[in-house]
């Protein structure tokens, strides 16, 4: 029985950070997605099966870069099942990643770029305005640690949850998370404005 190790998933996580390293207009982030899947494909397949696995992950792919990790986790779990003999069609793997791209992208931008990043920027700017040179460093460290942690844990969650994660996406879970994060962000930014804007 073929089983992905934590080392395989770690190198997939590292490589997934280059998702937009080869972005193109025809298939968007497909090359980056496939690049992230290579450690998994190498572990599970050989010969012609490996070539087919590479080809199936070069199909159209485009989502918010910070939320691609759970998709990679779910696809990795399905690839593991397929490599162990489960009848999973290539079209099902593609349909799964395409089906998850939209909902996750819709939650990724409001949560990361429009809520969390302004909060961290406000903290850094507050320090910088008071003359503290640590302002930009605080923003840089907090932002990158948070992004890396979210990507790592959501990839692990996606791998453990497997195909069951799609049940959560079909409900209102993402909308509730996005709304809650936006409300928290507005509250924090409102508090920061009152303190720092004269």
Protein backbone atom coordinates (compact mmCIF):
# COMPACT_ATOMS: atom_id res chain seq x y z
CA UNK A 1 0.00 0.00 0.00
CA UNK A 2 1.33 3.42 -0.99
CA UNK A 3 1.21 6.06 1.73
CA UNK A 4 2.29 9.70 1.63
CA UNK A 5 4.72 10.64 4.40
CA UNK A 6 4.90 13.92 6.30
CA UNK A 7 8.12 14.60 4.36
CA UNK A 8 6.22 14.34 1.04
CA UNK A 9 3.57 16.73 2.31
CA UNK A 10 6.23 19.11 3.64
CA UNK A 11 7.94 19.39 0.25
CA UNK A 12 4.57 19.83 -1.41
CA UNK A 13 3.91 22.71 1.02
CA UNK A 14 7.29 24.29 0.19
CA UNK A 15 6.75 23.97 -3.55
CA UNK A 16 3.17 25.29 -3.34
CA UNK A 17 4.61 28.67 -2.33
CA UNK A 18 5.72 29.04 -5.97
CA UNK A 19 2.14 28.72 -7.25
CA UNK A 20 2.39 31.94 -9.24
CA UNK A 21 5.97 31.41 -10.38
CA UNK A 22 4.88 30.47 -13.89
CA UNK A 23 1.53 32.12 -14.41
CA UNK A 24 0.15 32.17 -17.95
CA UNK A 25 -3.02 33.32 -19.67
CA UNK A 26 -4.05 29.91 -21.02
CA UNK A 27 -4.08 27.82 -17.84
CA UNK A 28 -3.38 30.49 -15.21
CA UNK A 29 -1.66 28.83 -12.20
CA UNK A 30 -1.67 25.26 -13.58
CA UNK A 31 2.11 24.98 -13.86
CA UNK A 32 2.54 26.18 -10.28
CA UNK A 33 -0.12 23.76 -9.03
CA UNK A 34 1.53 20.87 -10.87
CA UNK A 35 4.95 21.93 -9.52
CA UNK A 36 3.51 21.66 -6.00
CA UNK A 37 2.09 18.19 -6.71
CA UNK A 38 5.36 16.74 -8.05
CA UNK A 39 6.60 15.25 -4.71
CA UNK A 40 3.27 13.46 -4.32
CA UNK A 41 3.24 12.21 -7.90
CA UNK A 42 6.84 10.95 -7.62
CA UNK A 43 5.98 9.04 -4.45
CA UNK A 44 2.82 7.43 -5.78
CA UNK A 45 3.47 6.70 -9.45
CA UNK A 46 6.11 5.43 -11.86
CA UNK A 47 6.47 5.29 -15.64
CA UNK A 48 3.37 5.97 -17.72
CA UNK A 49 1.16 6.51 -14.66
CA UNK A 50 3.50 9.30 -13.53
CA UNK A 51 3.23 10.99 -16.92
CA UNK A 52 -0.57 10.78 -16.79
CA UNK A 53 -0.61 12.26 -13.28
CA UNK A 54 1.54 15.19 -14.41
CA UNK A 55 -0.78 15.77 -17.39
CA UNK A 56 -3.95 15.76 -15.30
CA UNK A 57 -2.53 18.48 -13.02
CA UNK A 58 -1.63 20.74 -15.93
CA UNK A 59 -5.29 21.54 -16.57
CA UNK A 60 -6.70 25.02 -15.90
CA UNK A 61 -6.21 26.13 -12.31
CA UNK A 62 -6.71 29.56 -10.72
CA UNK A 63 -7.52 30.57 -7.16
CA UNK A 64 -6.35 32.91 -4.42
CA UNK A 65 -2.75 31.77 -3.68
CA UNK A 66 -3.13 31.60 0.11
CA UNK A 67 -6.07 29.19 -0.11
CA UNK A 68 -4.63 26.71 -2.58
CA UNK A 69 -3.25 24.59 0.29
CA UNK A 70 -6.50 22.78 1.22
CA UNK A 71 -7.08 21.99 -2.46
CA UNK A 72 -3.61 20.46 -2.69
CA UNK A 73 -4.33 18.47 0.49
CA UNK A 74 -7.61 17.05 -0.82
CA UNK A 75 -6.13 16.26 -4.25
CA UNK A 76 -3.15 14.56 -2.55
CA UNK A 77 -5.54 12.35 -0.55
CA UNK A 78 -7.44 11.43 -3.72
CA UNK A 79 -4.20 10.71 -5.61
CA UNK A 80 -3.14 8.42 -2.78
CA UNK A 81 -6.45 6.55 -3.01
CA UNK A 82 -6.15 6.31 -6.81
CA UNK A 83 -2.58 4.98 -6.56
CA UNK A 84 -3.85 2.28 -4.18
CA UNK A 85 -6.42 1.04 -6.67
CA UNK A 86 -9.55 3.08 -5.96
CA UNK A 87 -11.48 3.82 -9.14
CA UNK A 88 -11.11 7.60 -9.38
CA UNK A 89 -11.34 9.11 -12.84
CA UNK A 90 -8.98 11.87 -13.96
CA UNK A 91 -12.02 14.03 -14.66
CA UNK A 92 -13.13 13.64 -11.03
CA UNK A 93 -9.78 14.96 -9.80
CA UNK A 94 -9.99 17.94 -12.15
CA UNK A 95 -13.62 18.60 -11.24
CA UNK A 96 -12.74 18.57 -7.54
CA UNK A 97 -9.97 21.15 -7.85
CA UNK A 98 -12.05 23.33 -10.19
CA UNK A 99 -15.05 23.05 -7.85
CA UNK A 100 -13.01 24.17 -4.85
CA UNK A 101 -11.19 27.03 -6.61
CA UNK A 102 -14.14 29.42 -6.76
CA UNK A 103 -15.49 29.20 -3.20
CA UNK A 104 -12.01 29.35 -1.68
CA UNK A 105 -10.95 32.28 -3.89
CA UNK A 106 -14.13 34.10 -2.86
CA UNK A 107 -13.17 33.70 0.79
CA UNK A 108 -9.40 34.21 0.38
CA UNK A 109 -9.30 37.79 -0.86
CA UNK A 110 -11.71 39.28 1.72
CA UNK A 111 -10.11 37.34 4.57
CA UNK A 112 -6.42 37.80 3.79
CA UNK A 113 -6.05 40.89 1.60
CA UNK A 114 -8.93 43.03 2.84
CA UNK A 115 -9.04 42.08 6.54
CA UNK A 116 -5.87 40.52 7.97
CA UNK A 117 -3.30 42.43 5.91
CA UNK A 118 -4.78 45.87 6.77
CA UNK A 119 -4.78 44.88 10.46
CA UNK A 120 -1.10 43.90 10.38
CA UNK A 121 -0.27 46.97 8.29
CA UNK A 122 -2.02 49.17 10.83
CA UNK A 123 0.01 47.65 13.66
CA UNK A 124 3.25 48.18 11.73
CA UNK A 125 2.25 51.68 10.64
CA UNK A 126 1.36 52.61 14.21
CA UNK A 127 4.86 51.70 15.34
CA UNK A 128 6.47 53.46 12.35
CA UNK A 129 4.49 56.68 12.90
CA UNK A 130 5.76 56.84 16.46
CA UNK A 131 9.33 56.59 15.13
CA UNK A 132 9.91 52.93 15.89
CA UNK A 133 11.99 51.25 13.17
CA UNK A 134 10.40 47.89 14.06
CA UNK A 135 7.11 48.91 12.38
CA UNK A 136 7.80 47.40 8.94
CA UNK A 137 9.62 44.43 10.49
CA UNK A 138 6.63 43.64 12.73
CA UNK A 139 4.31 43.72 9.71
CA UNK A 140 6.63 41.56 7.59
CA UNK A 141 7.13 38.92 10.29
CA UNK A 142 3.49 38.76 11.46
CA UNK A 143 2.12 38.61 7.92
CA UNK A 144 4.47 35.91 6.66
CA UNK A 145 4.22 33.74 9.77
CA UNK A 146 0.42 33.92 9.63
CA UNK A 147 0.30 33.07 5.90
CA UNK A 148 2.72 30.15 6.29
CA UNK A 149 0.81 28.77 9.29
CA UNK A 150 -2.55 29.01 7.52
CA UNK A 151 -1.18 27.32 4.40
CA UNK A 152 0.47 24.50 6.37
CA UNK A 153 -2.50 23.72 8.59
CA UNK A 154 -5.10 23.97 5.82
CA UNK A 155 -3.04 21.63 3.62
CA UNK A 156 -2.90 19.14 6.49
CA UNK A 157 -6.63 19.60 7.09
CA UNK A 158 -7.36 19.04 3.40
CA UNK A 159 -5.27 15.87 3.31
CA UNK A 160 -6.89 14.43 6.45
CA UNK A 161 -10.41 15.42 5.40
CA UNK A 162 -9.99 14.09 1.85
CA UNK A 163 -13.09 14.38 -0.25
CA UNK A 164 -15.30 15.11 2.78
CA UNK A 165 -14.04 18.73 2.73
CA UNK A 166 -16.31 19.45 -0.23
CA UNK A 167 -19.32 18.93 2.06
CA UNK A 168 -18.17 21.88 4.18
CA UNK A 169 -17.64 24.07 1.10
CA UNK A 170 -21.16 23.42 -0.17
CA UNK A 171 -22.68 24.88 3.00
CA UNK A 172 -22.39 28.36 4.45
CA UNK A 173 -19.11 27.72 6.27
CA UNK A 174 -16.98 29.93 4.03
CA UNK A 175 -19.53 32.73 4.00
CA UNK A 176 -19.72 32.67 7.81
CA UNK A 177 -15.92 32.70 8.19
CA UNK A 178 -15.58 35.55 5.70
CA UNK A 179 -18.33 37.61 7.36
CA UNK A 180 -16.90 37.05 10.84
CA UNK A 181 -13.37 37.98 9.74
CA UNK A 182 -14.64 41.11 7.99
CA UNK A 183 -16.56 42.20 11.09
CA UNK A 184 -13.51 41.64 13.28
CA UNK A 185 -11.33 43.53 10.82
CA UNK A 186 -13.68 46.53 10.72
CA UNK A 187 -13.79 46.60 14.52
CA UNK A 188 -9.99 46.53 14.84
CA UNK A 189 -9.43 49.08 12.08
CA UNK A 190 -12.05 51.38 13.63
CA UNK A 191 -10.22 51.17 16.96
CA UNK A 192 -6.87 51.86 15.31
CA UNK A 193 -8.24 54.85 13.39
CA UNK A 194 -9.59 56.40 16.59
CA UNK A 195 -6.18 56.02 18.22
CA UNK A 196 -3.81 57.05 15.40
CA UNK A 197 -5.68 59.45 13.11
CA UNK A 198 -5.74 63.07 14.20
